[in-house]
Amino acid sequence: MIYGLDVGGTKMELGCFDAQLNDLERCRVATPARDYPALLNTIAALVADARLRHGPGPLGIALPGLVDGQGLSLCANLPGATGRPLGADLARRLGQPLTLGNDCRCFALSEALGGAGAGYRRVFGAVLGTGAAGGLVVDGLLYQGRQDIACEYGHQPLPARLLLRYQLPLWTCGCGQQGCYEAYVSGPGLARLYGHFGGQAEDAAAVLALWRRAEPLAQATLDCYLDLLGACFAGLVLAYDPDLIVLGGGLSKVPELYQLLPARIDACLFGPFQSPPLVPARFGDASGARGIALLARQHD
């Protein structure tokens, strides 16, 4: 038995898998994101209950953030855990070692191994949702750099030419820096762009609905958005040259992206070089739990 827990800012989901990564059971509960003791208690109870039904096994936990060199969590969506040794505390509570991973990196691993990237050597998984981050898998292994911050493409800065072309302000990102791609190309970023062009919308879905009705401000917003995301993904192509880009997150469910985005990426590349195929995830919301279970199996 292998357990994979995908912890998000609003919910967490535990997947119970057999040795072949067949999905046997899923349990989903709300995340007490701001209350650290409650977060520990909720995770411990969820895992303990699953172990009673399925027996012991390796455990992996995917987090929406990073872990620094001292083992302290840096999770904007889990403010109660930030600055805390979440991994060490959970290992003590559960009485077993565990594998911690970034949720976007786990998504990439899941889609590379048996998902939409099956059969490709170099798979980049890009998540576009509340944030923007990803992971790279090469020959079935997740690339993890010295500080495990590789593929955090959402925290690279927009080029000045695009800021000037669309007269965009330097918005502050959740990481504290200004002008990061994430502040513009994430779901909330798309809604914010619509506001910049003079509109008002509750979220990205509302902007997309207006765009499909050919509303002028929404059309201007999407034209800008595609240019920004095209430049962002061109940077991924130049940095990693993947065979395939798999999209995850809420914006990955926008079918027009797969038709319109490749040309915007190509426009930012030079010579004869082109964007790799851009495809949706096979496992969707389930990829995070499956990916951290894969990582736990590799580390077991």
Protein backbone atom coordinates (compact mmCIF):
# COMPACT_ATOMS: atom_id res chain seq x y z
CA MET A 1 0.00 0.00 0.00
CA ILE A 2 1.18 3.52 -0.83
CA TYR A 3 -0.46 6.69 0.49
CA GLY A 4 -0.37 10.04 -1.26
CA LEU A 5 -1.79 13.14 0.46
CA ASP A 6 -2.31 16.30 -1.61
CA VAL A 7 -2.74 19.24 0.78
CA GLY A 8 -4.34 22.37 -0.66
CA GLY A 9 -5.32 25.69 0.83
CA THR A 10 -9.02 24.74 1.04
CA LYS A 11 -9.07 20.94 0.88
CA MET A 12 -6.79 17.95 1.23
CA GLU A 13 -7.18 14.58 -0.47
CA LEU A 14 -5.63 11.28 0.54
CA GLY A 15 -5.23 8.67 -2.17
CA CYS A 16 -4.69 5.00 -1.27
CA PHE A 17 -2.81 3.11 -3.99
CA ASP A 18 -1.60 -0.44 -4.46
CA ALA A 19 1.95 -1.23 -5.58
CA GLN A 20 0.96 -0.73 -9.23
CA LEU A 21 -0.49 2.71 -8.44
CA ASN A 22 -4.06 1.55 -8.92
CA ASP A 23 -6.34 4.01 -7.12
CA LEU A 24 -8.16 2.07 -4.40
CA GLU A 25 -9.76 4.81 -2.33
CA ARG A 26 -9.88 8.59 -1.93
CA CYS A 27 -10.75 10.64 1.13
CA ARG A 28 -11.24 14.41 0.99
CA VAL A 29 -11.61 16.83 3.92
CA ALA A 30 -11.36 20.59 4.48
CA THR A 31 -7.92 22.05 5.24
CA PRO A 32 -7.52 24.10 8.44
CA ALA A 33 -5.00 26.29 6.64
CA ARG A 34 -4.43 28.85 9.40
CA ASP A 35 -4.47 26.61 12.49
CA TYR A 36 -1.25 24.60 12.70
CA PRO A 37 -2.26 22.22 15.53
CA ALA A 38 -5.57 21.54 13.74
CA LEU A 39 -3.69 20.92 10.49
CA LEU A 40 -1.46 18.32 12.20
CA ASN A 41 -4.47 16.69 13.86
CA THR A 42 -6.47 16.53 10.63
CA ILE A 43 -3.63 14.97 8.63
CA ALA A 44 -2.77 12.50 11.39
CA ALA A 45 -6.39 11.39 11.76
CA LEU A 46 -6.86 11.03 7.99
CA VAL A 47 -3.74 8.88 7.60
CA ALA A 48 -4.39 6.82 10.73
CA ASP A 49 -7.94 6.03 9.60
CA ALA A 50 -6.71 4.92 6.15
CA ARG A 51 -4.00 2.73 7.69
CA LEU A 52 -6.63 0.96 9.80
CA ARG A 53 -8.44 -0.05 6.60
CA HIS A 54 -5.47 -0.77 4.31
CA GLY A 55 -2.44 -1.42 6.51
CA PRO A 56 0.96 0.30 6.69
CA GLY A 57 2.83 1.70 3.72
CA PRO A 58 5.00 4.56 2.44
CA LEU A 59 3.46 8.02 2.78
CA GLY A 60 4.03 11.10 0.65
CA ILE A 61 2.61 14.57 1.27
CA ALA A 62 2.37 17.20 -1.48
CA LEU A 63 2.31 20.81 -0.30
CA PRO A 64 1.43 24.02 -2.15
CA GLY A 65 4.80 25.60 -1.48
CA LEU A 66 8.41 24.85 -0.65
CA VAL A 67 10.52 23.52 2.20
CA ASP A 68 13.74 25.38 3.01
CA GLY A 69 17.12 23.96 3.98
CA GLN A 70 16.13 23.84 7.66
CA GLY A 71 13.01 21.80 6.90
CA LEU A 72 10.65 24.75 7.44
CA SER A 73 7.58 25.10 5.23
CA LEU A 74 7.00 28.12 2.99
CA CYS A 75 3.36 27.84 1.97
CA ALA A 76 1.39 30.96 1.03
CA ASN A 77 -1.83 28.91 0.91
CA LEU A 78 -1.10 27.31 4.31
CA PRO A 79 -0.20 30.29 6.47
CA GLY A 80 -0.46 28.25 9.65
CA ALA A 81 2.34 25.95 8.44
CA THR A 82 4.72 28.63 7.17
CA GLY A 83 7.89 28.71 9.23
CA ARG A 84 7.01 25.39 10.88
CA PRO A 85 8.77 21.99 10.54
CA LEU A 86 5.65 20.34 9.13
CA GLY A 87 7.43 17.25 7.80
CA ALA A 88 9.29 16.51 11.04
CA ASP A 89 6.22 17.14 13.17
CA LEU A 90 4.06 14.83 11.07
CA ALA A 91 6.70 12.08 10.99
CA ARG A 92 6.74 12.19 14.79
CA ARG A 93 2.95 12.16 15.07
CA LEU A 94 2.53 9.31 12.60
CA GLY A 95 5.51 7.27 13.78
CA GLN A 96 6.92 6.77 10.29
CA PRO A 97 9.19 8.57 7.82
CA LEU A 98 7.46 10.41 5.01
CA THR A 99 8.26 12.08 1.71
CA LEU A 100 7.43 15.76 1.24
CA GLY A 101 6.99 17.22 -2.23
CA ASN A 102 5.75 20.29 -4.04
CA ASP A 103 2.24 19.80 -5.43
CA CYS A 104 3.12 21.10 -8.92
CA ARG A 105 6.22 18.90 -9.16
CA CYS A 106 4.07 15.94 -8.10
CA PHE A 107 1.55 16.82 -10.81
CA ALA A 108 4.35 16.70 -13.40
CA LEU A 109 5.59 13.33 -12.16
CA SER A 110 2.10 11.83 -12.25
CA GLU A 111 1.44 13.02 -15.79
CA ALA A 112 4.86 11.85 -17.01
CA LEU A 113 4.44 8.35 -15.60
CA GLY A 114 1.27 6.86 -17.04
CA GLY A 115 -0.46 10.18 -17.69
CA ALA A 116 -0.64 12.51 -20.68
CA GLY A 117 3.16 12.46 -20.95
CA ALA A 118 3.54 8.68 -21.13
CA GLY A 119 6.06 7.74 -23.83
CA TYR A 120 7.88 11.11 -23.79
CA ARG A 121 11.38 11.49 -22.34
CA ARG A 122 11.15 15.14 -21.22
CA VAL A 123 7.80 16.24 -19.82
CA PHE A 124 7.08 19.65 -18.34
CA GLY A 125 3.96 19.87 -16.19
CA ALA A 126 2.65 23.43 -15.89
CA VAL A 127 -0.10 24.23 -13.40
CA LEU A 128 -2.23 27.32 -14.06
CA GLY A 129 -4.71 27.92 -11.30
CA THR A 130 -4.60 30.04 -8.17
CA GLY A 131 -0.86 30.17 -8.82
CA ALA A 132 1.54 29.26 -11.61
CA ALA A 133 4.30 26.69 -11.12
CA GLY A 134 5.44 23.40 -12.58
CA GLY A 135 7.86 20.53 -12.70
CA LEU A 136 10.15 18.75 -15.14
CA VAL A 137 10.46 14.98 -15.47
CA VAL A 138 13.31 13.48 -17.49
CA ASP A 139 13.41 9.76 -18.23
CA GLY A 140 10.86 9.10 -15.51
CA LEU A 141 12.71 11.02 -12.78
CA LEU A 142 11.60 14.32 -11.31
CA TYR A 143 14.23 17.01 -11.69
CA GLN A 144 15.01 18.48 -8.28
CA GLY A 145 17.61 21.24 -8.11
CA ARG A 146 19.89 22.27 -5.28
CA GLN A 147 17.14 24.13 -3.41
CA ASP A 148 14.12 22.46 -5.03
CA ILE A 149 12.98 25.73 -6.61
CA ALA A 150 13.51 24.70 -10.25
CA CYS A 151 10.45 25.18 -12.49
CA GLU A 152 8.90 27.93 -10.34
CA TYR A 153 8.23 29.75 -13.59
CA GLY A 154 5.51 31.90 -12.05
CA HIS A 155 8.13 33.84 -10.10
CA GLN A 156 10.16 34.94 -13.09
CA PRO A 157 9.59 38.59 -14.10
CA LEU A 158 7.55 39.72 -17.10
CA PRO A 159 9.67 41.25 -19.87
CA ALA A 160 9.68 45.04 -20.01
CA ARG A 161 8.47 45.05 -23.62
CA LEU A 162 5.15 43.46 -22.57
CA LEU A 163 4.73 45.70 -19.55
CA LEU A 164 5.18 48.69 -21.87
CA ARG A 165 3.05 47.32 -24.72
CA TYR A 166 0.02 46.89 -22.48
CA GLN A 167 0.88 49.65 -19.99
CA LEU A 168 0.72 47.15 -17.16
CA PRO A 169 1.44 48.14 -13.56
CA LEU A 170 4.01 46.23 -11.52
CA TRP A 171 1.69 44.12 -9.41
CA THR A 172 3.03 42.56 -6.23
CA CYS A 173 3.11 38.76 -6.26
CA GLY A 174 2.30 36.54 -3.29
CA CYS A 175 6.02 35.84 -2.99
CA GLY A 176 6.66 39.52 -2.19
CA GLN A 177 8.36 40.41 -5.46
CA GLN A 178 6.88 42.70 -8.11
CA GLY A 179 6.11 41.88 -11.73
CA CYS A 180 6.14 38.07 -11.41
CA TYR A 181 4.32 36.14 -14.13
CA GLU A 182 2.07 34.51 -11.52
CA ALA A 183 0.41 37.84 -10.71
CA TYR A 184 -0.71 38.11 -14.35
CA VAL A 185 -1.14 34.61 -15.84
CA SER A 186 -2.78 32.77 -12.91
CA GLY A 187 -6.56 32.60 -12.62
CA PRO A 188 -6.73 35.62 -10.32
CA GLY A 189 -4.24 37.33 -12.64
CA LEU A 190 -6.59 36.99 -15.61
CA ALA A 191 -9.41 38.63 -13.64
CA ARG A 192 -7.03 41.37 -12.55
CA LEU A 193 -5.99 41.99 -16.16
CA TYR A 194 -9.64 42.47 -17.07
CA GLY A 195 -9.83 45.15 -14.40
CA HIS A 196 -6.74 46.82 -15.88
CA PHE A 197 -8.54 47.08 -19.23
CA GLY A 198 -11.53 48.74 -17.56
CA GLY A 199 -13.80 45.79 -16.83
CA GLN A 200 -15.05 44.21 -13.65
CA ALA A 201 -15.37 40.45 -13.19
CA GLU A 202 -15.52 38.16 -10.19
CA ASP A 203 -13.04 35.61 -11.50
CA ALA A 204 -11.33 34.15 -14.56
CA ALA A 205 -14.39 32.09 -15.51
CA ALA A 206 -16.46 35.29 -15.77
CA VAL A 207 -13.85 36.91 -18.03
CA LEU A 208 -13.76 33.84 -20.27
CA ALA A 209 -17.56 33.81 -20.54
CA LEU A 210 -17.50 37.45 -21.66
CA TRP A 211 -14.69 36.71 -24.12
CA ARG A 212 -16.70 33.91 -25.73
CA ARG A 213 -19.51 36.44 -26.21
CA ALA A 214 -17.01 38.74 -27.99
CA GLU A 215 -17.22 41.45 -25.33
CA PRO A 216 -14.55 44.03 -26.40
CA LEU A 217 -12.79 44.47 -23.03
CA ALA A 218 -12.62 40.71 -22.55
CA GLN A 219 -11.18 40.31 -26.07
CA ALA A 220 -8.49 42.89 -25.32
CA THR A 221 -7.77 41.14 -22.01
CA LEU A 222 -7.38 37.70 -23.59
CA ASP A 223 -5.15 39.08 -26.32
CA CYS A 224 -2.86 40.49 -23.64
CA TYR A 225 -3.12 37.33 -21.53
CA LEU A 226 -2.13 35.07 -24.43
CA ASP A 227 0.88 37.28 -25.18
CA LEU A 228 2.00 37.12 -21.55
CA LEU A 229 1.50 33.37 -21.24
CA GLY A 230 3.13 32.78 -24.64
CA ALA A 231 6.24 34.67 -23.54
CA CYS A 232 6.23 32.79 -20.23
CA PHE A 233 6.03 29.38 -21.90
CA ALA A 234 8.62 30.39 -24.52
CA GLY A 235 10.94 30.87 -21.55
CA LEU A 236 10.18 27.30 -20.45
CA VAL A 237 10.98 26.02 -23.95
CA LEU A 238 14.27 27.93 -24.04
CA ALA A 239 15.26 26.81 -20.54
CA TYR A 240 14.19 23.14 -20.63
CA ASP A 241 13.34 22.26 -24.27
CA PRO A 242 10.72 19.66 -23.24
CA ASP A 243 9.11 17.14 -25.61
CA LEU A 244 5.67 17.97 -24.21
CA ILE A 245 3.96 20.51 -21.95
CA VAL A 246 1.06 19.14 -19.90
CA LEU A 247 -1.33 21.71 -18.45
CA GLY A 248 -3.04 21.35 -15.08
CA GLY A 249 -5.07 23.62 -12.81
CA GLY A 250 -8.34 25.42 -13.46
CA LEU A 251 -7.19 27.24 -16.61
CA SER A 252 -6.11 23.94 -18.18
CA LYS A 253 -9.84 23.28 -18.70
CA VAL A 254 -10.10 26.15 -21.22
CA PRO A 255 -10.07 24.30 -24.59
CA GLU A 256 -9.20 27.41 -26.59
CA LEU A 257 -5.79 27.60 -24.89
CA TYR A 258 -4.60 24.51 -26.74
CA GLN A 259 -5.56 26.09 -30.07
CA LEU A 260 -4.37 29.66 -29.52
CA LEU A 261 -1.35 29.47 -27.24
CA PRO A 262 1.20 27.59 -29.44
CA ALA A 263 1.35 30.43 -31.99
CA ARG A 264 1.96 32.96 -29.18
CA ILE A 265 4.79 30.79 -27.85
CA ASP A 266 6.33 30.45 -31.31
CA ALA A 267 6.26 34.22 -31.76
CA CYS A 268 8.67 34.54 -28.83
CA LEU A 269 11.12 31.91 -30.10
CA PHE A 270 13.80 32.51 -32.72
CA GLY A 271 14.69 30.84 -36.01
CA PRO A 272 12.88 27.62 -36.91
CA PHE A 273 12.25 26.55 -33.32
CA GLN A 274 8.70 25.81 -32.20
CA SER A 275 6.59 25.07 -29.17
CA PRO A 276 6.28 21.40 -28.21
CA PRO A 277 2.78 19.87 -28.13
CA LEU A 278 0.54 21.35 -25.44
CA VAL A 279 -1.94 18.88 -23.91
CA PRO A 280 -4.35 18.66 -20.95
CA ALA A 281 -3.65 16.43 -17.96
CA ARG A 282 -4.93 12.87 -17.97
CA PHE A 283 -5.49 12.58 -14.22
CA GLY A 284 -6.73 16.11 -13.56
CA ASP A 285 -7.34 16.87 -9.88
CA ALA A 286 -6.12 13.39 -8.96
CA SER A 287 -2.58 13.97 -10.26
CA GLY A 288 -1.22 15.61 -7.09
CA ALA A 289 -2.01 12.67 -4.79
CA ARG A 290 -0.90 10.16 -7.42
CA GLY A 291 2.35 12.05 -8.01
CA ILE A 292 3.37 12.22 -4.37
CA ALA A 293 2.55 8.51 -4.03
CA LEU A 294 4.92 7.87 -6.96
CA LEU A 295 7.59 9.97 -5.28
CA ALA A 296 7.11 8.12 -1.98
CA ARG A 297 7.48 4.80 -3.83
CA GLN A 298 10.70 6.00 -5.45
CA HIS A 299 12.10 7.06 -2.05
CA ASP A 300 10.97 3.94 -0.17
